[in-house]
Each structure stands twice: as structure tokens, then as C-alpha cells.
C-alpha atoms as a PDB file:
ATOM      1  CA  MET A   1       0.119  -0.076   0.026  1.00  0.00           C
ATOM      2  CA  LYS A   2       2.471   2.597  -1.075  1.00  0.00           C
ATOM      3  CA  ILE A   3      -0.051   5.091  -2.416  1.00  0.00           C
ATOM      4  CA  PRO A   4      -1.803   5.910   0.753  1.00  0.00           C
ATOM      5  CA  ALA A   5       1.570   6.657   2.400  1.00  0.00           C
ATOM      6  CA  ILE A   6       2.602   8.850  -0.681  1.00  0.00           C
ATOM      7  CA  ALA A   7      -1.070  10.511  -0.384  1.00  0.00           C
ATOM      8  CA  GLY A   8      -0.438  11.269   3.335  1.00  0.00           C
ATOM      9  CA  MET A   9       3.067  12.751   2.919  1.00  0.00           C
ATOM     10  CA  MET A  10       1.843  15.167   0.398  1.00  0.00           C
ATOM     11  CA  LEU A  11      -0.994  16.312   2.383  1.00  0.00           C
ATOM     12  CA  LEU A  12       1.792  16.977   5.468  1.00  0.00           C
ATOM     13  CA  MET A  13       4.120  18.855   2.781  1.00  0.00           C
ATOM     14  CA  ALA A  14       1.137  21.068   1.636  1.00  0.00           C
ATOM     15  CA  PRO A  15       2.146  24.805   2.112  1.00  0.00           C
ATOM     16  CA  ALA A  16       0.406  26.690   4.991  1.00  0.00           C
ATOM     17  CA  PRO A  17      -2.373  28.960   3.713  1.00  0.00           C
ATOM     18  CA  LEU A  18      -0.905  32.351   2.899  1.00  0.00           C
ATOM     19  CA  VAL A  19      -2.478  35.382   4.614  1.00  0.00           C
ATOM     20  CA  ALA A  20      -1.531  38.650   3.312  1.00  0.00           C
ATOM     21  CA  GLN A  21      -1.341  41.772   5.588  1.00  0.00           C
ATOM     22  CA  GLY A  22      -4.459  42.406   7.163  1.00  0.00           C
ATOM     23  CA  ALA A  23      -6.251  40.733   4.134  1.00  0.00           C
ATOM     24  CA  ASP A  24      -7.654  37.399   3.998  1.00  0.00           C
ATOM     25  CA  LEU A  25      -6.610  35.586   0.879  1.00  0.00           C
ATOM     26  CA  VAL A  26      -7.362  32.339   1.841  1.00  0.00           C
ATOM     27  CA  SER A  27      -9.355  31.189   4.708  1.00  0.00           C
ATOM     28  CA  VAL A  28      -8.840  27.909   6.154  1.00  0.00           C
ATOM     29  CA  ASP A  29     -11.779  26.101   7.944  1.00  0.00           C
ATOM     30  CA  LEU A  30     -10.522  23.454  10.225  1.00  0.00           C
ATOM     31  CA  GLY A  31     -13.502  21.194  10.059  1.00  0.00           C
ATOM     32  CA  MET A  32     -13.818  21.293   6.373  1.00  0.00           C
ATOM     33  CA  LEU A  33     -10.094  20.612   5.985  1.00  0.00           C
ATOM     34  CA  LEU A  34     -10.278  17.611   8.474  1.00  0.00           C
ATOM     35  CA  SER A  35     -13.447  16.112   6.616  1.00  0.00           C
ATOM     36  CA  THR A  36     -11.922  16.506   3.210  1.00  0.00           C
ATOM     37  CA  ILE A  37      -8.662  14.775   4.394  1.00  0.00           C
ATOM     38  CA  ALA A  38     -10.988  11.984   6.033  1.00  0.00           C
ATOM     39  CA  VAL A  39     -12.825  11.436   2.898  1.00  0.00           C
ATOM     40  CA  PHE A  40      -9.618  11.723   0.692  1.00  0.00           C
ATOM     41  CA  LEU A  41      -8.148   8.899   3.049  1.00  0.00           C
ATOM     42  CA  LEU A  42     -11.311   6.723   2.901  1.00  0.00           C
ATOM     43  CA  VAL A  43     -11.330   7.163  -0.933  1.00  0.00           C
ATOM     44  CA  LEU A  44      -7.648   6.269  -1.106  1.00  0.00           C
ATOM     45  CA  PHE A  45      -8.367   3.166   1.072  1.00  0.00           C
ATOM     46  CA  ILE A  46     -11.244   2.043  -0.852  1.00  0.00           C
ATOM     47  CA  LEU A  47      -9.381   2.610  -4.056  1.00  0.00           C
ATOM     48  CA  GLY A  48      -6.050   0.754  -2.582  1.00  0.00           C
ATOM     49  CA  LYS A  49      -8.113  -2.013  -1.279  1.00  0.00           C
ATOM     50  CA  TYR A  50     -10.614  -2.864  -4.193  1.00  0.00           C
ATOM     51  CA  ALA A  51      -9.307  -0.907  -7.208  1.00  0.00           C
ATOM     52  CA  TRP A  52      -5.449  -0.795  -7.150  1.00  0.00           C
ATOM     53  CA  GLY A  53      -5.184  -4.748  -6.666  1.00  0.00           C
ATOM     54  CA  PRO A  54      -7.252  -4.981 -10.126  1.00  0.00           C
ATOM     55  CA  ILE A  55      -5.571  -2.253 -11.903  1.00  0.00           C
ATOM     56  CA  MET A  56      -2.077  -3.633 -10.954  1.00  0.00           C
ATOM     57  CA  GLY A  57      -3.051  -7.008 -11.730  1.00  0.00           C
ATOM     58  CA  ALA A  58      -4.371  -6.125 -15.184  1.00  0.00           C
ATOM     59  CA  VAL A  59      -1.095  -3.812 -15.602  1.00  0.00           C
ATOM     60  CA  GLU A  60       1.218  -6.685 -14.556  1.00  0.00           C
ATOM     61  CA  ALA A  61      -0.908  -9.328 -17.082  1.00  0.00           C
ATOM     62  CA  ARG A  62      -0.265  -6.737 -19.586  1.00  0.00           C
ATOM     63  CA  GLU A  63       3.236  -6.362 -18.804  1.00  0.00           C
ATOM     64  CA  LYS A  64       3.583 -10.155 -18.920  1.00  0.00           C
ATOM     65  CA  GLY A  65       1.557 -10.282 -22.367  1.00  0.00           C
ATOM     66  CA  ILE A  66       3.796  -7.653 -23.856  1.00  0.00           C
ATOM     67  CA  ARG A  67       6.894  -9.641 -22.471  1.00  0.00           C
ATOM     68  CA  THR A  68       5.763 -12.888 -23.739  1.00  0.00           C
ATOM     69  CA  SER A  69       5.048 -11.095 -27.252  1.00  0.00           C
ATOM     70  CA  ILE A  70       8.570  -9.685 -27.476  1.00  0.00           C
ATOM     71  CA  GLU A  71       9.988 -12.859 -26.559  1.00  0.00           C
ATOM     72  CA  GLU A  72       7.791 -14.686 -29.128  1.00  0.00           C
ATOM     73  CA  ALA A  73       8.724 -12.226 -31.812  1.00  0.00           C
ATOM     74  CA  ALA A  74      12.552 -12.408 -30.839  1.00  0.00           C
ATOM     75  CA  LYS A  75      12.062 -16.462 -31.335  1.00  0.00           C
ATOM     76  CA  MET A  76      10.072 -15.829 -34.571  1.00  0.00           C
ATOM     77  CA  ARG A  77      12.850 -13.533 -35.687  1.00  0.00           C
ATOM     78  CA  GLU A  78      15.542 -15.964 -34.941  1.00  0.00           C
ATOM     79  CA  GLU A  79      13.718 -18.561 -36.887  1.00  0.00           C
ATOM     80  CA  ALA A  80      13.233 -16.378 -39.748  1.00  0.00           C
ATOM     81  CA  GLN A  81      17.012 -15.700 -39.787  1.00  0.00           C
ATOM     82  CA  ALA A  82      17.768 -19.412 -39.493  1.00  0.00           C
ATOM     83  CA  ALA A  83      15.256 -19.813 -42.465  1.00  0.00           C
ATOM     84  CA  LEU A  84      16.809 -16.982 -44.547  1.00  0.00           C
ATOM     85  CA  GLU A  85      20.454 -18.522 -43.939  1.00  0.00           C
ATOM     86  CA  GLU A  86      19.282 -21.971 -44.903  1.00  0.00           C
ATOM     87  CA  HIS A  87      17.528 -20.467 -48.071  1.00  0.00           C
ATOM     88  CA  ARG A  88      20.682 -18.568 -49.017  1.00  0.00           C
ATOM     89  CA  LYS A  89      22.868 -21.923 -48.628  1.00  0.00           C
ATOM     90  CA  GLN A  90      20.323 -23.805 -50.881  1.00  0.00           C
ATOM     91  CA  LEU A  91      20.551 -20.819 -53.467  1.00  0.00           C
ATOM     92  CA  ALA A  92      24.314 -20.984 -53.352  1.00  0.00           C
ATOM     93  CA  ALA A  93      24.143 -24.831 -53.714  1.00  0.00           C
ATOM     94  CA  ALA A  94      21.648 -24.412 -56.609  1.00  0.00           C
ATOM     95  CA  ARG A  95      23.888 -21.979 -58.377  1.00  0.00           C
ATOM     96  CA  LYS A  96      26.965 -23.951 -57.681  1.00  0.00           C
ATOM     97  CA  GLU A  97      25.151 -26.980 -59.307  1.00  0.00           C
ATOM     98  CA  SER A  98      23.757 -25.204 -62.103  1.00  0.00           C
ATOM     99  CA  GLN A  99      27.410 -23.856 -62.830  1.00  0.00           C
ATOM    100  CA  GLU A 100      28.398 -27.504 -62.819  1.00  0.00           C
ATOM    101  CA  ILE A 101      25.955 -28.733 -64.983  1.00  0.00           C
ATOM    102  CA  VAL A 102      26.739 -25.928 -67.575  1.00  0.00           C
ATOM    103  CA  ALA A 103      30.251 -26.410 -67.470  1.00  0.00           C
ATOM    104  CA  GLU A 104      29.593 -30.307 -67.903  1.00  0.00           C
ATOM    105  CA  GLY A 105      27.409 -29.474 -70.870  1.00  0.00           C
ATOM    106  CA  ARG A 106      30.046 -27.188 -72.294  1.00  0.00           C
ATOM    107  CA  SER A 107      32.836 -29.829 -72.116  1.00  0.00           C
ATOM    108  CA  ALA A 108      30.514 -32.380 -73.328  1.00  0.00           C
ATOM    109  CA  ALA A 109      29.653 -30.320 -76.177  1.00  0.00           C
ATOM    110  CA  GLU A 110      33.322 -29.541 -76.953  1.00  0.00           C
ATOM    111  CA  ARG A 111      34.304 -33.383 -76.813  1.00  0.00           C
ATOM    112  CA  ILE A 112      31.454 -34.344 -79.302  1.00  0.00           C
ATOM    113  CA  ARG A 113      32.252 -31.259 -81.566  1.00  0.00           C
ATOM    114  CA  ARG A 114      35.973 -32.677 -81.531  1.00  0.00           C
ATOM    115  CA  GLU A 115      34.828 -36.226 -82.151  1.00  0.00           C
ATOM    116  CA  VAL A 116      32.457 -34.940 -85.035  1.00  0.00           C
ATOM    117  CA  GLU A 117      35.524 -33.095 -86.455  1.00  0.00           C
ATOM    118  CA  GLU A 118      37.693 -35.915 -86.088  1.00  0.00           C
ATOM    119  CA  LYS A 119      35.071 -38.386 -87.816  1.00  0.00           C
ATOM    120  CA  ALA A 120      34.583 -35.713 -90.575  1.00  0.00           C
ATOM    121  CA  ARG A 121      38.458 -35.397 -90.968  1.00  0.00           C
ATOM    122  CA  GLU A 122      38.958 -39.329 -91.072  1.00  0.00           C
ATOM    123  CA  GLU A 123      35.961 -39.535 -93.584  1.00  0.00           C
ATOM    124  CA  SER A 124      37.483 -37.041 -95.748  1.00  0.00           C
ATOM    125  CA  GLU A 125      40.886 -38.664 -95.766  1.00  0.00           C
ATOM    126  CA  ARG A 126      39.029 -41.876 -96.603  1.00  0.00           C
ATOM    127  CA  ILE A 127      37.058 -40.193 -99.370  1.00  0.00           C
ATOM    128  CA  LEU A 128      40.357 -38.474-100.495  1.00  0.00           C
ATOM    129  CA  GLN A 129      42.258 -41.679-100.380  1.00  0.00           C
ATOM    130  CA  ARG A 130      39.462 -43.599-102.375  1.00  0.00           C
ATOM    131  CA  ALA A 131      39.706 -40.625-105.000  1.00  0.00           C
ATOM    132  CA  ARG A 132      43.366 -40.818-105.384  1.00  0.00           C
ATOM    133  CA  LEU A 133      43.153 -44.503-105.898  1.00  0.00           C
ATOM    134  CA  GLU A 134      40.165 -44.269-108.313  1.00  0.00           C
ATOM    135  CA  ILE A 135      42.285 -41.382-110.082  1.00  0.00           C
ATOM    136  CA  GLU A 136      45.404 -43.514-110.283  1.00  0.00           C
ATOM    137  CA  ARG A 137      43.510 -46.640-111.517  1.00  0.00           C
ATOM    138  CA  GLU A 138      41.883 -44.611-114.287  1.00  0.00           C
ATOM    139  CA  ARG A 139      45.192 -43.099-115.199  1.00  0.00           C
ATOM    140  CA  ASP A 140      46.863 -46.701-115.249  1.00  0.00           C
ATOM    141  CA  LEU A 141      43.510 -47.769-117.372  1.00  0.00           C
ATOM    142  CA  ALA A 142      44.062 -44.646-119.711  1.00  0.00           C
ATOM    143  CA  LEU A 143      47.890 -45.392-120.126  1.00  0.00           C
ATOM    144  CA  GLU A 144      47.190 -48.958-120.735  1.00  0.00           C
ATOM    145  CA  GLN A 145      44.517 -48.050-123.485  1.00  0.00           C
ATOM    146  CA  VAL A 146      46.960 -45.300-125.012  1.00  0.00           C
ATOM    147  CA  ARG A 147      49.805 -48.222-125.000  1.00  0.00           C
ATOM    148  CA  THR A 148      47.309 -50.717-126.516  1.00  0.00           C
ATOM    149  CA  GLU A 149      46.112 -48.112-129.169  1.00  0.00           C
ATOM    150  CA  ALA A 150      49.575 -47.128-129.866  1.00  0.00           C
ATOM    151  CA  VAL A 151      50.725 -50.515-130.600  1.00  0.00           C
ATOM    152  CA  ASP A 152      47.433 -51.083-132.692  1.00  0.00           C
ATOM    153  CA  LEU A 153      48.488 -48.161-134.454  1.00  0.00           C
ATOM    154  CA  ALA A 154      51.984 -49.009-135.070  1.00  0.00           C
ATOM    155  CA  LEU A 155      51.037 -52.451-136.049  1.00  0.00           C
ATOM    156  CA  ALA A 156      48.566 -51.374-138.625  1.00  0.00           C
ATOM    157  CA  ALA A 157      50.915 -48.642-139.955  1.00  0.00           C
ATOM    158  CA  ALA A 158      53.675 -51.269-140.281  1.00  0.00           C
ATOM    159  CA  SER A 159      51.335 -53.768-141.933  1.00  0.00           C
ATOM    160  CA  ARG A 160      50.337 -51.434-144.472  1.00  0.00           C
ATOM    161  CA  ILE A 161      53.806 -49.956-144.959  1.00  0.00           C
ATOM    162  CA  LEU A 162      55.030 -53.791-145.607  1.00  0.00           C
ATOM    163  CA  SER A 163      52.121 -54.533-147.715  1.00  0.00           C
ATOM    164  CA  GLU A 164      53.190 -51.887-150.170  1.00  0.00           C
ATOM    165  CA  LYS A 165      56.724 -51.111-150.281  1.00  0.00           C
ATOM    166  CA  LEU A 166      57.256 -47.653-151.942  1.00  0.00           C
ATOM    167  CA  THR A 167      59.319 -44.695-151.592  1.00  0.00           C
ATOM    168  CA  ASP A 168      60.209 -42.981-148.342  1.00  0.00           C
ATOM    169  CA  GLU A 169      57.805 -40.076-149.546  1.00  0.00           C
ATOM    170  CA  ARG A 170      55.117 -42.409-150.055  1.00  0.00           C
ATOM    171  CA  ASP A 171      55.773 -44.001-146.860  1.00  0.00           C
ATOM    172  CA  ARG A 172      55.239 -40.853-145.146  1.00  0.00           C
ATOM    173  CA  GLN A 173      52.231 -40.143-147.093  1.00  0.00           C
ATOM    174  CA  MET A 174      50.547 -43.444-146.032  1.00  0.00           C
ATOM    175  CA  VAL A 175      51.144 -42.943-142.139  1.00  0.00           C
ATOM    176  CA  GLU A 176      49.881 -39.504-142.207  1.00  0.00           C
ATOM    177  CA  GLY A 177      46.668 -40.432-144.248  1.00  0.00           C
ATOM    178  CA  TYR A 178      46.245 -43.482-141.735  1.00  0.00           C
ATOM    179  CA  LEU A 179      46.751 -41.267-138.787  1.00  0.00           C
ATOM    180  CA  ALA A 180      44.387 -38.583-140.294  1.00  0.00           C
ATOM    181  CA  GLU A 181      41.713 -41.468-140.789  1.00  0.00           C
ATOM    182  CA  LEU A 182      41.947 -42.193-137.211  1.00  0.00           C
ATOM    183  CA  SER A 183      41.774 -38.843-135.395  1.00  0.00           C
ATOM    184  CA  PRO A 184      38.613 -36.992-135.406  1.00  0.00           C
ATOM    185  CA  PRO A 185      38.406 -34.067-137.785  1.00  0.00           C
ATOM    186  CA  ARG A 186      39.551 -30.363-136.481  1.00  0.00           C
ATOM    187  CA  ALA A 187      37.477 -27.362-136.484  1.00  0.00           C
ATOM    188  CA  GLU A 188      39.284 -24.832-138.481  1.00  0.00           C
ATOM    189  CA  ALA A 189      38.888 -21.250-137.205  1.00  0.00           C
END
């Protein structure tokens, strides 16, 4: 009951009534003063007994509720901080994994590109080698045909020359005529 004690002390400390020289500014009625103090103390006692307890209980309950709310808010803040940190870790792990996947994809693409280039190079070498062999075979065949025709021509020319024995001039004319028969006619410009 701190409040009644404080109220009583305030009454005792109250300044005495001021009285001017001959003029009565404030008149003090002792009966009225005592009854006012008695009523004040009675109201103070009743309030202290019936009102201050529930008011203080409500204030303490409110204080306890606020303290609990603050503790819960701090706990929720810590949980949110932990969740944020976990989210950041997961995000970093996902970024790292995506970078690894991209790097792996790039290396796989580079490896496939090299393999395709190597296969293309090998295939072009095989095609080039086959073309060289084909050209060489065709050249050999053409040379063989030229040789055969040259031999045939020489034999034909020799048989004509032998069948007709004439002069050198006549031999020359016969060979040139025979060659002219074998070669296609040239277009004259």
C-alpha cells in the first residue's frame, strides 16, 4: 500500500495558507479540512483495497503479455533468420550445381564437337584416299589403253607399209593419211 503513504505525505507537505497583511486571501476552515482529509483517505483506502489490486493485476498481466509477445517475436525473428540463412545456402548450392551442369554441358559439347570433327576429318581422308586410288586406277587404265592403241596403230601402220613397199615419200604419206583417218576432224578457225 504505497499509494496511501504517498498521499499522506503530500498532505503534510502542503504549504500553509497564505495570509496577506490584513487581507484574508485564503481562509482555512479546520472542520472542512479535516473532513476533506478523512474523505480523501477513505477514498484512497477503498481504491487501494478494491481498485489498485485489479488495476495492478491488469497492468502486470499486460506487462507479462507484452514480454511474452516480445520473446515470441524474438524467437520468430531468430527462426526467420535461420530460414533465410538456409535459403541462402540452398540458393548458393543451386547456383553451384547449375554452374557445374553448364560447365559439364560445355565440356560435353566440346568433346562431341572434337569427335565430329575427327570423324569428318577421317571420312574426308578416306574419301580423298579412295579418290586418289580411283584417279590412279583410271590413269593406269587410260595409259594402258593409249599403249594398246599406240601398239595397234604402229602394227597397222607397219602392216600397210610392209604390204606396199614404196618410196620414203610414199611411206610418209600413207602414215599421215592413216593417222588422219583415225583422228577426229578438227574444226578450223
